[in-house]
Amino acid sequence: MSNIIFSPGEKVILSGKGRVEQPIRGEGELYLTNKRIVLIHRTGLIRKRETPLVDIRLDQISYAKVEGLLSKVLVIGIPQGGTVIAYKIKVSNPDSWLAAIYSGRQ
């Protein structure tokens, strides 16, 4: 488990390797909690540095869907400045992530 800071009452629902392809590029460990979705990039062999590449509160998500047939990708839409930014995240079994996001938003 990572040493990223979770707020009190925040529980990890799913975690796994993830790779963001849009609007930024990077990979790391993806966490879905009951409050947000976070992608942590780790660097360093001895002194590990953790950089959050994606940190999205579930209540910020305007839509979430799975795109693609053979190579499925999780797409999360976040409103920003009058437009919606689509985060494309490659993760194993994106359908289960999608279901968990929708169940966590209720």
PDB file of N, CA and C in Angstrom:
ATOM      1  N   MET A   1       0.848  -1.192   0.000  1.00  0.00           N
ATOM      2  CA  MET A   1       0.000   0.000   0.000  1.00  0.00           C
ATOM      3  C   MET A   1       0.879   1.236   0.000  1.00  0.00           C
ATOM      4  N   SER A   2       0.410   2.236  -0.629  1.00  0.00           N
ATOM      5  CA  SER A   2       1.142   3.478  -0.765  1.00  0.00           C
ATOM      6  C   SER A   2       1.042   4.293   0.517  1.00  0.00           C
ATOM      7  N   ASN A   3       1.930   5.271   0.654  1.00  0.00           N
ATOM      8  CA  ASN A   3       1.827   6.149   1.811  1.00  0.00           C
ATOM      9  C   ASN A   3       1.172   7.471   1.426  1.00  0.00           C
ATOM     10  N   ILE A   4       0.352   7.457   0.352  1.00  0.00           N
ATOM     11  CA  ILE A   4      -0.389   8.663   0.023  1.00  0.00           C
ATOM     12  C   ILE A   4      -1.403   8.922   1.124  1.00  0.00           C
ATOM     13  N   ILE A   5      -1.753  10.154   1.310  1.00  0.00           N
ATOM     14  CA  ILE A   5      -2.627  10.519   2.419  1.00  0.00           C
ATOM     15  C   ILE A   5      -4.086  10.342   2.017  1.00  0.00           C
ATOM     16  N   PHE A   6      -4.766   9.502   2.747  1.00  0.00           N
ATOM     17  CA  PHE A   6      -6.197   9.351   2.589  1.00  0.00           C
ATOM     18  C   PHE A   6      -6.862  10.097   3.725  1.00  0.00           C
ATOM     19  N   SER A   7      -7.974  10.742   3.430  1.00  0.00           N
ATOM     20  CA  SER A   7      -8.680  11.487   4.463  1.00  0.00           C
ATOM     21  C   SER A   7      -9.425  10.515   5.386  1.00  0.00           C
ATOM     22  N   PRO A   8      -9.769  10.965   6.594  1.00  0.00           N
ATOM     23  CA  PRO A   8     -10.524  10.092   7.507  1.00  0.00           C
ATOM     24  C   PRO A   8     -11.827   9.635   6.843  1.00  0.00           C
ATOM     25  N   GLY A   9     -12.125   8.371   6.968  1.00  0.00           N
ATOM     26  CA  GLY A   9     -13.339   7.823   6.371  1.00  0.00           C
ATOM     27  C   GLY A   9     -13.197   7.460   4.904  1.00  0.00           C
ATOM     28  N   GLU A  10     -12.016   7.687   4.329  1.00  0.00           N
ATOM     29  CA  GLU A  10     -11.785   7.347   2.921  1.00  0.00           C
ATOM     30  C   GLU A  10     -11.289   5.904   2.837  1.00  0.00           C
ATOM     31  N   LYS A  11     -12.006   5.094   2.044  1.00  0.00           N
ATOM     32  CA  LYS A  11     -11.673   3.681   1.939  1.00  0.00           C
ATOM     33  C   LYS A  11     -11.321   3.349   0.492  1.00  0.00           C
ATOM     34  N   VAL A  12     -10.288   2.527   0.303  1.00  0.00           N
ATOM     35  CA  VAL A  12      -9.895   2.085  -1.034  1.00  0.00           C
ATOM     36  C   VAL A  12     -10.863   0.989  -1.487  1.00  0.00           C
ATOM     37  N   ILE A  13     -11.489   1.213  -2.650  1.00  0.00           N
ATOM     38  CA  ILE A  13     -12.430   0.252  -3.224  1.00  0.00           C
ATOM     39  C   ILE A  13     -11.706  -0.648  -4.220  1.00  0.00           C
ATOM     40  N   LEU A  14     -10.885  -0.045  -5.091  1.00  0.00           N
ATOM     41  CA  LEU A  14     -10.116  -0.776  -6.093  1.00  0.00           C
ATOM     42  C   LEU A  14      -8.727  -0.163  -6.204  1.00  0.00           C
ATOM     43  N   SER A  15      -7.757  -0.973  -6.562  1.00  0.00           N
ATOM     44  CA  SER A  15      -6.421  -0.446  -6.875  1.00  0.00           C
ATOM     45  C   SER A  15      -5.763  -1.364  -7.888  1.00  0.00           C
ATOM     46  N   GLY A  16      -4.857  -0.800  -8.656  1.00  0.00           N
ATOM     47  CA  GLY A  16      -4.157  -1.574  -9.667  1.00  0.00           C
ATOM     48  C   GLY A  16      -3.282  -0.667 -10.508  1.00  0.00           C
ATOM     49  N   LYS A  17      -2.501  -1.278 -11.387  1.00  0.00           N
ATOM     50  CA  LYS A  17      -1.654  -0.499 -12.293  1.00  0.00           C
ATOM     51  C   LYS A  17      -2.530   0.282 -13.260  1.00  0.00           C
ATOM     52  N   GLY A  18      -2.142   1.531 -13.494  1.00  0.00           N
ATOM     53  CA  GLY A  18      -2.897   2.359 -14.426  1.00  0.00           C
ATOM     54  C   GLY A  18      -1.961   3.219 -15.259  1.00  0.00           C
ATOM     55  N   ARG A  19      -2.436   3.603 -16.444  1.00  0.00           N
ATOM     56  CA  ARG A  19      -1.650   4.478 -17.316  1.00  0.00           C
ATOM     57  C   ARG A  19      -2.572   5.525 -17.915  1.00  0.00           C
ATOM     58  N   VAL A  20      -2.250   6.789 -17.704  1.00  0.00           N
ATOM     59  CA  VAL A  20      -3.020   7.885 -18.287  1.00  0.00           C
ATOM     60  C   VAL A  20      -2.468   8.157 -19.673  1.00  0.00           C
ATOM     61  N   GLU A  21      -3.364   8.257 -20.663  1.00  0.00           N
ATOM     62  CA  GLU A  21      -2.954   8.527 -22.036  1.00  0.00           C
ATOM     63  C   GLU A  21      -3.358   9.917 -22.477  1.00  0.00           C
ATOM     64  N   GLN A  22      -4.291  10.541 -21.773  1.00  0.00           N
ATOM     65  CA  GLN A  22      -4.795  11.852 -22.148  1.00  0.00           C
ATOM     66  C   GLN A  22      -5.440  12.459 -20.921  1.00  0.00           C
ATOM     67  N   PRO A  23      -5.370  13.741 -20.620  1.00  0.00           N
ATOM     68  CA  PRO A  23      -4.688  14.837 -21.312  1.00  0.00           C
ATOM     69  C   PRO A  23      -3.184  14.904 -20.994  1.00  0.00           C
ATOM     70  N   ILE A  24      -2.736  14.090 -20.028  1.00  0.00           N
ATOM     71  CA  ILE A  24      -1.309  13.996 -19.720  1.00  0.00           C
ATOM     72  C   ILE A  24      -0.900  12.547 -19.950  1.00  0.00           C
ATOM     73  N   ARG A  25       0.394  12.270 -19.884  1.00  0.00           N
ATOM     74  CA  ARG A  25       0.855  10.894 -20.020  1.00  0.00           C
ATOM     75  C   ARG A  25       1.622  10.513 -18.757  1.00  0.00           C
ATOM     76  N   GLY A  26       1.422   9.290 -18.331  1.00  0.00           N
ATOM     77  CA  GLY A  26       2.141   8.791 -17.167  1.00  0.00           C
ATOM     78  C   GLY A  26       1.506   7.518 -16.673  1.00  0.00           C
ATOM     79  N   GLU A  27       2.231   6.812 -15.826  1.00  0.00           N
ATOM     80  CA  GLU A  27       1.685   5.572 -15.285  1.00  0.00           C
ATOM     81  C   GLU A  27       2.055   5.438 -13.824  1.00  0.00           C
ATOM     82  N   GLY A  28       1.353   4.542 -13.160  1.00  0.00           N
ATOM     83  CA  GLY A  28       1.596   4.320 -11.741  1.00  0.00           C
ATOM     84  C   GLY A  28       0.515   3.442 -11.161  1.00  0.00           C
ATOM     85  N   GLU A  29       0.280   3.622  -9.883  1.00  0.00           N
ATOM     86  CA  GLU A  29      -0.730   2.846  -9.167  1.00  0.00           C
ATOM     87  C   GLU A  29      -2.012   3.673  -9.105  1.00  0.00           C
ATOM     88  N   LEU A  30      -3.113   3.067  -9.568  1.00  0.00           N
ATOM     89  CA  LEU A  30      -4.402   3.741  -9.589  1.00  0.00           C
ATOM     90  C   LEU A  30      -5.230   3.267  -8.407  1.00  0.00           C
ATOM     91  N   TYR A  31      -5.807   4.228  -7.692  1.00  0.00           N
ATOM     92  CA  TYR A  31      -6.657   3.917  -6.541  1.00  0.00           C
ATOM     93  C   TYR A  31      -8.026   4.530  -6.758  1.00  0.00           C
ATOM     94  N   LEU A  32      -9.067   3.741  -6.495  1.00  0.00           N
ATOM     95  CA  LEU A  32     -10.423   4.268  -6.441  1.00  0.00           C
ATOM     96  C   LEU A  32     -10.868   4.148  -4.996  1.00  0.00           C
ATOM     97  N   THR A  33     -11.175   5.285  -4.377  1.00  0.00           N
ATOM     98  CA  THR A  33     -11.686   5.268  -3.008  1.00  0.00           C
ATOM     99  C   THR A  33     -13.161   5.649  -3.046  1.00  0.00           C
ATOM    100  N   ASN A  34     -13.778   5.685  -1.888  1.00  0.00           N
ATOM    101  CA  ASN A  34     -15.174   6.087  -1.837  1.00  0.00           C
ATOM    102  C   ASN A  34     -15.327   7.594  -2.059  1.00  0.00           C
ATOM    103  N   LYS A  35     -14.209   8.334  -2.211  1.00  0.00           N
ATOM    104  CA  LYS A  35     -14.278   9.780  -2.418  1.00  0.00           C
ATOM    105  C   LYS A  35     -13.620  10.265  -3.702  1.00  0.00           C
ATOM    106  N   ARG A  36     -12.619   9.531  -4.217  1.00  0.00           N
ATOM    107  CA  ARG A  36     -11.872  10.041  -5.377  1.00  0.00           C
ATOM    108  C   ARG A  36     -11.156   8.920  -6.117  1.00  0.00           C
ATOM    109  N   ILE A  37     -10.596   9.291  -7.282  1.00  0.00           N
ATOM    110  CA  ILE A  37      -9.750   8.392  -8.049  1.00  0.00           C
ATOM    111  C   ILE A  37      -8.383   9.068  -8.162  1.00  0.00           C
ATOM    112  N   VAL A  38      -7.329   8.324  -7.810  1.00  0.00           N
ATOM    113  CA  VAL A  38      -5.983   8.890  -7.722  1.00  0.00           C
ATOM    114  C   VAL A  38      -5.008   7.979  -8.458  1.00  0.00           C
ATOM    115  N   LEU A  39      -4.125   8.585  -9.268  1.00  0.00           N
ATOM    116  CA  LEU A  39      -3.047   7.845  -9.922  1.00  0.00           C
ATOM    117  C   LEU A  39      -1.729   8.370  -9.370  1.00  0.00           C
ATOM    118  N   ILE A  40      -0.962   7.484  -8.739  1.00  0.00           N
ATOM    119  CA  ILE A  40       0.307   7.854  -8.111  1.00  0.00           C
ATOM    120  C   ILE A  40       1.458   7.303  -8.940  1.00  0.00           C
ATOM    121  N   HIS A  41       2.340   8.198  -9.360  1.00  0.00           N
ATOM    122  CA  HIS A  41       3.547   7.819 -10.099  1.00  0.00           C
ATOM    123  C   HIS A  41       4.704   7.755  -9.107  1.00  0.00           C
ATOM    124  N   ARG A  42       5.462   6.648  -9.138  1.00  0.00           N
ATOM    125  CA  ARG A  42       6.594   6.477  -8.218  1.00  0.00           C
ATOM    126  C   ARG A  42       7.904   6.536  -8.988  1.00  0.00           C
ATOM    127  N   THR A  43       8.881   7.262  -8.431  1.00  0.00           N
ATOM    128  CA  THR A  43      10.216   7.312  -9.022  1.00  0.00           C
ATOM    129  C   THR A  43      11.241   7.077  -7.929  1.00  0.00           C
ATOM    130  N   GLY A  44      12.435   6.679  -8.321  1.00  0.00           N
ATOM    131  CA  GLY A  44      13.521   6.479  -7.363  1.00  0.00           C
ATOM    132  C   GLY A  44      13.645   5.041  -6.925  1.00  0.00           C
ATOM    133  N   LEU A  45      14.878   4.574  -6.797  1.00  0.00           N
ATOM    134  CA  LEU A  45      15.113   3.204  -6.353  1.00  0.00           C
ATOM    135  C   LEU A  45      15.214   3.113  -4.839  1.00  0.00           C
ATOM    136  N   ILE A  46      15.968   4.005  -4.247  1.00  0.00           N
ATOM    137  CA  ILE A  46      16.168   3.956  -2.798  1.00  0.00           C
ATOM    138  C   ILE A  46      15.170   4.867  -2.089  1.00  0.00           C
ATOM    139  N   ARG A  47      15.187   6.150  -2.455  1.00  0.00           N
ATOM    140  CA  ARG A  47      14.219   7.078  -1.870  1.00  0.00           C
ATOM    141  C   ARG A  47      13.064   7.225  -2.844  1.00  0.00           C
ATOM    142  N   LYS A  48      11.976   6.575  -2.513  1.00  0.00           N
ATOM    143  CA  LYS A  48      10.804   6.601  -3.388  1.00  0.00           C
ATOM    144  C   LYS A  48      10.129   7.970  -3.297  1.00  0.00           C
ATOM    145  N   ARG A  49       9.882   8.549  -4.474  1.00  0.00           N
ATOM    146  CA  ARG A  49       9.103   9.783  -4.539  1.00  0.00           C
ATOM    147  C   ARG A  49       7.778   9.456  -5.183  1.00  0.00           C
ATOM    148  N   GLU A  50       6.710   9.950  -4.599  1.00  0.00           N
ATOM    149  CA  GLU A  50       5.370   9.693  -5.126  1.00  0.00           C
ATOM    150  C   GLU A  50       4.773  11.003  -5.615  1.00  0.00           C
ATOM    151  N   THR A  51       4.340  11.003  -6.850  1.00  0.00           N
ATOM    152  CA  THR A  51       3.741  12.185  -7.451  1.00  0.00           C
ATOM    153  C   THR A  51       2.333  11.837  -7.909  1.00  0.00           C
ATOM    154  N   PRO A  52       1.317  12.537  -7.392  1.00  0.00           N
ATOM    155  CA  PRO A  52      -0.035  12.279  -7.892  1.00  0.00           C
ATOM    156  C   PRO A  52      -0.200  12.874  -9.288  1.00  0.00           C
ATOM    157  N   LEU A  53      -0.429  12.031 -10.288  1.00  0.00           N
ATOM    158  CA  LEU A  53      -0.644  12.504 -11.657  1.00  0.00           C
ATOM    159  C   LEU A  53      -2.111  12.868 -11.878  1.00  0.00           C
ATOM    160  N   VAL A  54      -2.996  12.108 -11.242  1.00  0.00           N
ATOM    161  CA  VAL A  54      -4.433  12.344 -11.350  1.00  0.00           C
ATOM    162  C   VAL A  54      -5.001  12.294  -9.943  1.00  0.00           C
ATOM    163  N   ASP A  55      -5.824  13.270  -9.600  1.00  0.00           N
ATOM    164  CA  ASP A  55      -6.521  13.276  -8.309  1.00  0.00           C
ATOM    165  C   ASP A  55      -7.884  13.910  -8.550  1.00  0.00           C
ATOM    166  N   ILE A  56      -8.887  13.074  -8.727  1.00  0.00           N
ATOM    167  CA  ILE A  56     -10.222  13.530  -9.115  1.00  0.00           C
ATOM    168  C   ILE A  56     -11.225  13.108  -8.046  1.00  0.00           C
ATOM    169  N   ARG A  57     -11.947  14.071  -7.497  1.00  0.00           N
ATOM    170  CA  ARG A  57     -13.035  13.740  -6.573  1.00  0.00           C
ATOM    171  C   ARG A  57     -14.191  13.132  -7.358  1.00  0.00           C
ATOM    172  N   LEU A  58     -14.849  12.141  -6.801  1.00  0.00           N
ATOM    173  CA  LEU A  58     -15.950  11.477  -7.498  1.00  0.00           C
ATOM    174  C   LEU A  58     -17.071  12.454  -7.833  1.00  0.00           C
ATOM    175  N   ASP A  59     -17.290  13.463  -6.969  1.00  0.00           N
ATOM    176  CA  ASP A  59     -18.368  14.426  -7.247  1.00  0.00           C
ATOM    177  C   ASP A  59     -18.000  15.417  -8.362  1.00  0.00           C
ATOM    178  N   GLN A  60     -16.750  15.393  -8.848  1.00  0.00           N
ATOM    179  CA  GLN A  60     -16.342  16.238  -9.975  1.00  0.00           C
ATOM    180  C   GLN A  60     -16.638  15.569 -11.320  1.00  0.00           C
ATOM    181  N   ILE A  61     -16.843  14.265 -11.315  1.00  0.00           N
ATOM    182  CA  ILE A  61     -16.972  13.506 -12.562  1.00  0.00           C
ATOM    183  C   ILE A  61     -18.319  13.811 -13.219  1.00  0.00           C
ATOM    184  N   SER A  62     -18.269  14.303 -14.470  1.00  0.00           N
ATOM    185  CA  SER A  62     -19.520  14.561 -15.190  1.00  0.00           C
ATOM    186  C   SER A  62     -19.963  13.305 -15.943  1.00  0.00           C
ATOM    187  N   TYR A  63     -19.006  12.476 -16.384  1.00  0.00           N
ATOM    188  CA  TYR A  63     -19.353  11.194 -16.987  1.00  0.00           C
ATOM    189  C   TYR A  63     -18.172  10.238 -16.865  1.00  0.00           C
ATOM    190  N   ALA A  64     -18.481   8.955 -16.951  1.00  0.00           N
ATOM    191  CA  ALA A  64     -17.454   7.914 -16.987  1.00  0.00           C
ATOM    192  C   ALA A  64     -17.963   6.834 -17.927  1.00  0.00           C
ATOM    193  N   LYS A  65     -17.052   6.324 -18.776  1.00  0.00           N
ATOM    194  CA  LYS A  65     -17.451   5.286 -19.734  1.00  0.00           C
ATOM    195  C   LYS A  65     -16.229   4.474 -20.114  1.00  0.00           C
ATOM    196  N   VAL A  66     -16.477   3.374 -20.798  1.00  0.00           N
ATOM    197  CA  VAL A  66     -15.394   2.536 -21.320  1.00  0.00           C
ATOM    198  C   VAL A  66     -15.442   2.634 -22.838  1.00  0.00           C
ATOM    199  N   GLU A  67     -14.291   2.936 -23.454  1.00  0.00           N
ATOM    200  CA  GLU A  67     -14.194   3.027 -24.910  1.00  0.00           C
ATOM    201  C   GLU A  67     -13.294   1.922 -25.434  1.00  0.00           C
ATOM    202  N   GLY A  68     -13.532   1.531 -26.690  1.00  0.00           N
ATOM    203  CA  GLY A  68     -12.681   0.555 -27.359  1.00  0.00           C
ATOM    204  C   GLY A  68     -13.266  -0.837 -27.319  1.00  0.00           C
ATOM    205  N   LEU A  69     -12.871  -1.644 -28.289  1.00  0.00           N
ATOM    206  CA  LEU A  69     -13.339  -3.026 -28.345  1.00  0.00           C
ATOM    207  C   LEU A  69     -12.265  -3.994 -27.878  1.00  0.00           C
ATOM    208  N   LEU A  70     -11.122  -3.982 -28.542  1.00  0.00           N
ATOM    209  CA  LEU A  70     -10.042  -4.888 -28.154  1.00  0.00           C
ATOM    210  C   LEU A  70      -9.199  -4.304 -27.034  1.00  0.00           C
ATOM    211  N   SER A  71      -8.851  -3.043 -27.176  1.00  0.00           N
ATOM    212  CA  SER A  71      -8.045  -2.375 -26.158  1.00  0.00           C
ATOM    213  C   SER A  71      -8.931  -1.370 -25.436  1.00  0.00           C
ATOM    214  N   LYS A  72      -9.589  -1.825 -24.386  1.00  0.00           N
ATOM    215  CA  LYS A  72     -10.537  -0.977 -23.672  1.00  0.00           C
ATOM    216  C   LYS A  72      -9.811   0.024 -22.778  1.00  0.00           C
ATOM    217  N   VAL A  73     -10.401   1.219 -22.680  1.00  0.00           N
ATOM    218  CA  VAL A  73      -9.828   2.276 -21.862  1.00  0.00           C
ATOM    219  C   VAL A  73     -10.960   2.947 -21.080  1.00  0.00           C
ATOM    220  N   LEU A  74     -10.681   3.292 -19.834  1.00  0.00           N
ATOM    221  CA  LEU A  74     -11.633   3.991 -18.978  1.00  0.00           C
ATOM    222  C   LEU A  74     -11.538   5.477 -19.286  1.00  0.00           C
ATOM    223  N   VAL A  75     -12.665   6.115 -19.568  1.00  0.00           N
ATOM    224  CA  VAL A  75     -12.689   7.543 -19.881  1.00  0.00           C
ATOM    225  C   VAL A  75     -13.511   8.250 -18.813  1.00  0.00           C
ATOM    226  N   ILE A  76     -12.907   9.272 -18.198  1.00  0.00           N
ATOM    227  CA  ILE A  76     -13.571  10.039 -17.147  1.00  0.00           C
ATOM    228  C   ILE A  76     -13.598  11.495 -17.573  1.00  0.00           C
ATOM    229  N   GLY A  77     -14.793  12.084 -17.610  1.00  0.00           N
ATOM    230  CA  GLY A  77     -14.954  13.478 -18.006  1.00  0.00           C
ATOM    231  C   GLY A  77     -15.048  14.391 -16.790  1.00  0.00           C
ATOM    232  N   ILE A  78     -14.220  15.437 -16.803  1.00  0.00           N
ATOM    233  CA  ILE A  78     -14.172  16.406 -15.701  1.00  0.00           C
ATOM    234  C   ILE A  78     -14.417  17.803 -16.269  1.00  0.00           C
ATOM    235  N   PRO A  79     -15.438  18.524 -15.785  1.00  0.00           N
ATOM    236  CA  PRO A  79     -15.645  19.889 -16.272  1.00  0.00           C
ATOM    237  C   PRO A  79     -14.533  20.815 -15.781  1.00  0.00           C
ATOM    238  N   GLN A  80     -13.990  21.622 -16.704  1.00  0.00           N
ATOM    239  CA  GLN A  80     -12.942  22.581 -16.366  1.00  0.00           C
ATOM    240  C   GLN A  80     -13.103  23.805 -17.243  1.00  0.00           C
ATOM    241  N   GLY A  81     -13.401  24.938 -16.633  1.00  0.00           N
ATOM    242  CA  GLY A  81     -13.482  26.197 -17.352  1.00  0.00           C
ATOM    243  C   GLY A  81     -14.434  26.192 -18.530  1.00  0.00           C
ATOM    244  N   GLY A  82     -15.630  25.682 -18.363  1.00  0.00           N
ATOM    245  CA  GLY A  82     -16.634  25.711 -19.414  1.00  0.00           C
ATOM    246  C   GLY A  82     -16.542  24.594 -20.432  1.00  0.00           C
ATOM    247  N   THR A  83     -15.560  23.725 -20.315  1.00  0.00           N
ATOM    248  CA  THR A  83     -15.433  22.587 -21.215  1.00  0.00           C
ATOM    249  C   THR A  83     -15.238  21.323 -20.377  1.00  0.00           C
ATOM    250  N   VAL A  84     -15.284  20.174 -21.007  1.00  0.00           N
ATOM    251  CA  VAL A  84     -15.085  18.916 -20.286  1.00  0.00           C
ATOM    252  C   VAL A  84     -13.783  18.282 -20.764  1.00  0.00           C
ATOM    253  N   ILE A  85     -12.881  18.014 -19.830  1.00  0.00           N
ATOM    254  CA  ILE A  85     -11.610  17.367 -20.115  1.00  0.00           C
ATOM    255  C   ILE A  85     -11.809  15.856 -19.956  1.00  0.00           C
ATOM    256  N   ALA A  86     -11.417  15.086 -20.973  1.00  0.00           N
ATOM    257  CA  ALA A  86     -11.545  13.626 -20.917  1.00  0.00           C
ATOM    258  C   ALA A  86     -10.212  13.016 -20.501  1.00  0.00           C
ATOM    259  N   TYR A  87     -10.223  12.336 -19.364  1.00  0.00           N
ATOM    260  CA  TYR A  87      -9.049  11.595 -18.901  1.00  0.00           C
ATOM    261  C   TYR A  87      -9.187  10.167 -19.406  1.00  0.00           C
ATOM    262  N   LYS A  88      -8.236   9.709 -20.224  1.00  0.00           N
ATOM    263  CA  LYS A  88      -8.250   8.329 -20.714  1.00  0.00           C
ATOM    264  C   LYS A  88      -7.239   7.541 -19.900  1.00  0.00           C
ATOM    265  N   ILE A  89      -7.739   6.547 -19.185  1.00  0.00           N
ATOM    266  CA  ILE A  89      -6.907   5.767 -18.273  1.00  0.00           C
ATOM    267  C   ILE A  89      -6.967   4.301 -18.665  1.00  0.00           C
ATOM    268  N   LYS A  90      -5.798   3.746 -18.960  1.00  0.00           N
ATOM    269  CA  LYS A  90      -5.683   2.330 -19.306  1.00  0.00           C
ATOM    270  C   LYS A  90      -5.520   1.555 -17.995  1.00  0.00           C
ATOM    271  N   VAL A  91      -6.415   0.629 -17.761  1.00  0.00           N
ATOM    272  CA  VAL A  91      -6.385  -0.169 -16.534  1.00  0.00           C
ATOM    273  C   VAL A  91      -6.938  -1.545 -16.865  1.00  0.00           C
ATOM    274  N   SER A  92      -6.479  -2.570 -16.142  1.00  0.00           N
ATOM    275  CA  SER A  92      -7.018  -3.903 -16.412  1.00  0.00           C
ATOM    276  C   SER A  92      -8.459  -3.957 -15.914  1.00  0.00           C
ATOM    277  N   ASN A  93      -9.320  -4.565 -16.697  1.00  0.00           N
ATOM    278  CA  ASN A  93     -10.748  -4.704 -16.416  1.00  0.00           C
ATOM    279  C   ASN A  93     -11.432  -3.354 -16.169  1.00  0.00           C
ATOM    280  N   PRO A  94     -11.442  -2.458 -17.173  1.00  0.00           N
ATOM    281  CA  PRO A  94     -12.040  -1.132 -16.995  1.00  0.00           C
ATOM    282  C   PRO A  94     -13.538  -1.177 -16.690  1.00  0.00           C
ATOM    283  N   ASP A  95     -14.222  -2.252 -17.100  1.00  0.00           N
ATOM    284  CA  ASP A  95     -15.655  -2.352 -16.819  1.00  0.00           C
ATOM    285  C   ASP A  95     -15.930  -2.423 -15.315  1.00  0.00           C
ATOM    286  N   SER A  96     -15.079  -3.134 -14.577  1.00  0.00           N
ATOM    287  CA  SER A  96     -15.283  -3.217 -13.129  1.00  0.00           C
ATOM    288  C   SER A  96     -14.979  -1.870 -12.460  1.00  0.00           C
ATOM    289  N   TRP A  97     -13.998  -1.134 -13.003  1.00  0.00           N
ATOM    290  CA  TRP A  97     -13.709   0.214 -12.483  1.00  0.00           C
ATOM    291  C   TRP A  97     -14.900   1.136 -12.727  1.00  0.00           C
ATOM    292  N   LEU A  98     -15.482   1.054 -13.919  1.00  0.00           N
ATOM    293  CA  LEU A  98     -16.638   1.881 -14.256  1.00  0.00           C
ATOM    294  C   LEU A  98     -17.799   1.600 -13.305  1.00  0.00           C
ATOM    295  N   ALA A  99     -18.082   0.329 -13.075  1.00  0.00           N
ATOM    296  CA  ALA A  99     -19.174  -0.046 -12.169  1.00  0.00           C
ATOM    297  C   ALA A  99     -18.899   0.458 -10.761  1.00  0.00           C
ATOM    298  N   ALA A 100     -17.641   0.349 -10.320  1.00  0.00           N
ATOM    299  CA  ALA A 100     -17.285   0.801  -8.970  1.00  0.00           C
ATOM    300  C   ALA A 100     -17.363   2.317  -8.836  1.00  0.00           C
ATOM    301  N   ILE A 101     -17.008   3.044  -9.901  1.00  0.00           N
ATOM    302  CA  ILE A 101     -17.123   4.509  -9.872  1.00  0.00           C
ATOM    303  C   ILE A 101     -18.571   4.914  -9.707  1.00  0.00           C
ATOM    304  N   TYR A 102     -19.468   4.298 -10.495  1.00  0.00           N
ATOM    305  CA  TYR A 102     -20.879   4.649 -10.399  1.00  0.00           C
ATOM    306  C   TYR A 102     -21.483   4.237  -9.069  1.00  0.00           C
ATOM    307  N   SER A 103     -21.072   3.120  -8.511  1.00  0.00           N
ATOM    308  CA  SER A 103     -21.623   2.722  -7.213  1.00  0.00           C
ATOM    309  C   SER A 103     -21.061   3.596  -6.107  1.00  0.00           C
ATOM    310  N   GLY A 104     -19.841   4.113  -6.272  1.00  0.00           N
ATOM    311  CA  GLY A 104     -19.250   4.987  -5.269  1.00  0.00           C
ATOM    312  C   GLY A 104     -19.791   6.394  -5.278  1.00  0.00           C
ATOM    313  N   ARG A 105     -20.434   6.802  -6.379  1.00  0.00           N
ATOM    314  CA  ARG A 105     -20.939   8.172  -6.494  1.00  0.00           C
ATOM    315  C   ARG A 105     -22.314   8.336  -5.867  1.00  0.00           C
ATOM    316  N   GLN A 106     -22.944   7.254  -5.446  1.00  0.00           N
ATOM    317  CA  GLN A 106     -24.314   7.352  -4.922  1.00  0.00           C
ATOM    318  C   GLN A 106     -24.337   7.786  -3.485  1.00  0.00           C
TER     319      GLN A 106
END
